[in-house]
Amino acid sequence: MSQASAEQRLQQLGLALPAVAKPVGAYRPAVLTGNWVFVSGQLPIAQGRLLCEGKVGAEVDLADASRAARQAALNALAAAAAEAGGLDRITQIVHLRVFVNSAAGFVDQAGVANGASELLAHVFGSAGQHARVAVGVAELPLNAPVELELVVEVQRDRCDQVR
């Protein structure tokens, strides 16, 4: 019996990759170099809107912030998959950086980041286990509660290597 692919696991969760967010500045959503895709900061945007706004620990509670991190991770996967040639070309989630728009005294940035980490583990199994940093910051673009960056390893065929 074969294991479910990442795409199949995503569907089992009732999720689909969104369209890749258009950059709002002079950068690319993701860059493929060698066997690595580096994904630019992703916000928790769904259907063109932030899921929620504000500082975690004040206007946004931990549960909503964790859901926002999950959405930002889904957006990051969309950008990574677009560069990799599909979600199933991602062989390892390598590193996750999570920035949390934190109210004074809020110290559970790791709990917020778990929303993203748990999604990645569900979609990729053991290949979704990654190194991570979760830090509190004073402000984020659009007053988003969370922003994240992702680094993934991808499968490249011999033909892919020749450009």
Protein backbone atom coordinates (compact mmCIF):
# COMPACT_ATOMS: atom_id res chain seq x y z
CA MET A 1 0.00 0.00 0.00
CA SER A 2 1.53 3.31 -1.05
CA GLN A 3 1.68 6.37 1.15
CA ALA A 4 -0.44 9.38 0.33
CA SER A 5 1.36 12.17 -1.50
CA ALA A 6 1.64 15.65 -0.03
CA GLU A 7 -1.05 16.82 -2.45
CA GLN A 8 -3.37 14.01 -1.33
CA ARG A 9 -2.75 14.76 2.36
CA LEU A 10 -3.55 18.41 1.74
CA GLN A 11 -6.84 17.39 0.11
CA GLN A 12 -7.60 15.04 3.03
CA LEU A 13 -7.33 18.09 5.30
CA GLY A 14 -9.93 19.81 3.11
CA LEU A 15 -7.34 22.32 1.87
CA ALA A 16 -6.01 23.43 -1.48
CA LEU A 17 -3.08 25.61 -2.38
CA PRO A 18 -4.14 29.21 -2.96
CA ALA A 19 -2.87 31.34 -5.81
CA VAL A 20 0.61 32.65 -5.15
CA ALA A 21 0.45 36.13 -3.62
CA LYS A 22 1.66 38.90 -5.90
CA PRO A 23 4.67 40.76 -4.50
CA VAL A 24 3.98 44.26 -3.20
CA GLY A 25 7.59 45.36 -3.64
CA ALA A 26 10.80 44.65 -5.51
CA TYR A 27 11.14 40.96 -4.68
CA ARG A 28 9.92 37.52 -5.80
CA PRO A 29 7.54 35.34 -3.78
CA ALA A 30 10.07 32.51 -3.93
CA VAL A 31 13.44 31.75 -5.47
CA LEU A 32 14.68 28.33 -6.62
CA THR A 33 18.44 27.82 -6.49
CA GLY A 34 19.95 24.36 -6.78
CA ASN A 35 17.72 22.05 -4.76
CA TRP A 36 16.43 24.79 -2.49
CA VAL A 37 13.43 27.09 -2.59
CA PHE A 38 13.56 30.18 -0.38
CA VAL A 39 10.09 31.62 0.20
CA SER A 40 9.68 35.33 0.97
CA GLY A 41 7.64 36.44 3.97
CA GLN A 42 4.01 35.32 3.73
CA LEU A 43 1.07 36.83 5.57
CA PRO A 44 -2.15 35.07 6.62
CA ILE A 45 -4.13 36.20 3.60
CA ALA A 46 -7.09 34.18 2.33
CA GLN A 47 -9.32 35.31 -0.52
CA GLY A 48 -7.50 38.64 -0.67
CA ARG A 49 -7.92 39.56 3.00
CA LEU A 50 -6.01 39.11 6.24
CA LEU A 51 -7.67 36.49 8.45
CA CYS A 52 -7.27 38.88 11.38
CA GLU A 53 -5.30 41.98 12.36
CA GLY A 54 -3.51 43.16 15.44
CA LYS A 55 -1.11 42.18 18.13
CA VAL A 56 -1.18 38.67 19.52
CA GLY A 57 -1.95 38.81 23.21
CA ALA A 58 -4.11 41.94 22.78
CA GLU A 59 -6.43 42.12 19.73
CA VAL A 60 -5.68 38.55 18.56
CA ASP A 61 -5.83 35.50 20.81
CA LEU A 62 -3.48 32.51 20.60
CA ALA A 63 -5.98 30.27 18.78
CA ASP A 64 -6.65 32.85 16.06
CA ALA A 65 -2.94 33.60 15.72
CA SER A 66 -2.20 29.89 15.34
CA ARG A 67 -4.84 29.65 12.58
CA ALA A 68 -3.25 32.70 10.94
CA ALA A 69 0.15 30.98 11.02
CA ARG A 70 -1.42 27.93 9.38
CA GLN A 71 -2.81 30.12 6.58
CA ALA A 72 0.54 31.86 6.10
CA ALA A 73 2.19 28.41 5.84
CA LEU A 74 -0.35 27.38 3.21
CA ASN A 75 0.50 30.53 1.26
CA ALA A 76 4.21 29.75 1.61
CA LEU A 77 3.64 26.22 0.31
CA ALA A 78 1.86 27.67 -2.73
CA ALA A 79 4.88 29.85 -3.51
CA ALA A 80 7.33 26.97 -2.93
CA ALA A 81 5.31 24.56 -5.06
CA ALA A 82 5.13 27.07 -7.91
CA GLU A 83 8.94 27.23 -8.01
CA ALA A 84 9.47 23.50 -7.39
CA GLY A 85 7.13 22.33 -10.16
CA GLY A 86 4.46 21.08 -7.78
CA LEU A 87 3.86 20.28 -4.14
CA ASP A 88 4.99 16.68 -4.54
CA ARG A 89 8.43 17.85 -5.73
CA ILE A 90 9.12 19.18 -2.22
CA THR A 91 11.21 16.54 -0.45
CA GLN A 92 11.89 18.25 2.89
CA ILE A 93 10.71 21.26 4.84
CA VAL A 94 14.06 22.57 6.04
CA HIS A 95 13.52 25.77 8.00
CA LEU A 96 10.62 27.89 9.16
CA ARG A 97 10.91 31.45 10.50
CA VAL A 98 7.82 32.84 12.21
CA PHE A 99 7.47 36.48 13.19
CA VAL A 100 4.68 37.25 15.66
CA ASN A 101 3.25 40.76 16.07
CA SER A 102 3.39 40.55 19.87
CA ALA A 103 1.72 42.67 22.52
CA ALA A 104 3.85 43.63 25.52
CA GLY A 105 4.17 40.61 27.77
CA PHE A 106 3.12 38.02 25.16
CA VAL A 107 5.65 35.20 25.28
CA ASP A 108 4.01 32.22 23.50
CA GLN A 109 5.41 32.83 20.01
CA ALA A 110 6.14 29.10 19.82
CA GLY A 111 2.43 28.36 20.31
CA VAL A 112 1.58 30.63 17.39
CA ALA A 113 4.23 28.98 15.20
CA ASN A 114 2.81 25.55 15.99
CA GLY A 115 -0.12 26.34 13.69
CA ALA A 116 2.31 26.39 10.76
CA SER A 117 4.52 23.55 11.99
CA GLU A 118 1.59 21.20 12.54
CA LEU A 119 0.23 21.86 9.03
CA LEU A 120 3.64 21.11 7.50
CA ALA A 121 3.93 17.88 9.51
CA HIS A 122 0.44 16.76 8.45
CA VAL A 123 1.10 17.46 4.77
CA PHE A 124 4.64 16.07 4.54
CA GLY A 125 4.87 13.55 7.38
CA SER A 126 8.44 13.13 8.65
CA ALA A 127 9.69 15.29 5.73
CA GLY A 128 7.64 18.11 7.27
CA GLN A 129 9.72 18.15 10.45
CA HIS A 130 11.92 21.21 10.30
CA ALA A 131 14.22 23.57 12.13
CA ARG A 132 12.37 26.68 13.33
CA VAL A 133 12.60 30.03 14.99
CA ALA A 134 9.63 31.97 16.36
CA VAL A 135 10.21 35.54 17.48
CA GLY A 136 8.11 38.40 18.74
CA VAL A 137 8.27 41.66 16.81
CA ALA A 138 6.86 45.14 17.39
CA GLU A 139 5.02 45.50 14.06
CA LEU A 140 4.30 43.59 10.85
CA PRO A 141 3.06 44.71 7.43
CA LEU A 142 -0.69 45.49 7.26
CA ASN A 143 -0.84 44.95 11.05
CA ALA A 144 -0.81 41.20 10.41
CA PRO A 145 -0.52 39.04 13.54
CA VAL A 146 2.06 36.74 11.91
CA GLU A 147 4.43 36.54 8.96
CA LEU A 148 6.58 33.58 8.03
CA GLU A 149 9.39 32.51 5.74
CA LEU A 150 10.07 28.98 4.55
CA VAL A 151 13.04 27.09 3.12
CA VAL A 152 12.39 23.76 1.39
CA GLU A 153 14.44 21.17 -0.43
CA VAL A 154 13.12 19.98 -3.78
CA GLN A 155 13.62 17.01 -6.04
CA ARG A 156 15.39 17.97 -9.25
CA ASP A 157 15.69 15.65 -12.21
CA ARG A 158 18.85 15.60 -14.32
CA CYS A 159 17.03 17.55 -17.02
CA ASP A 160 16.06 20.19 -14.46
CA GLN A 161 19.73 20.79 -13.65
CA VAL A 162 20.57 21.87 -17.22
CA ARG A 163 19.31 25.34 -18.05
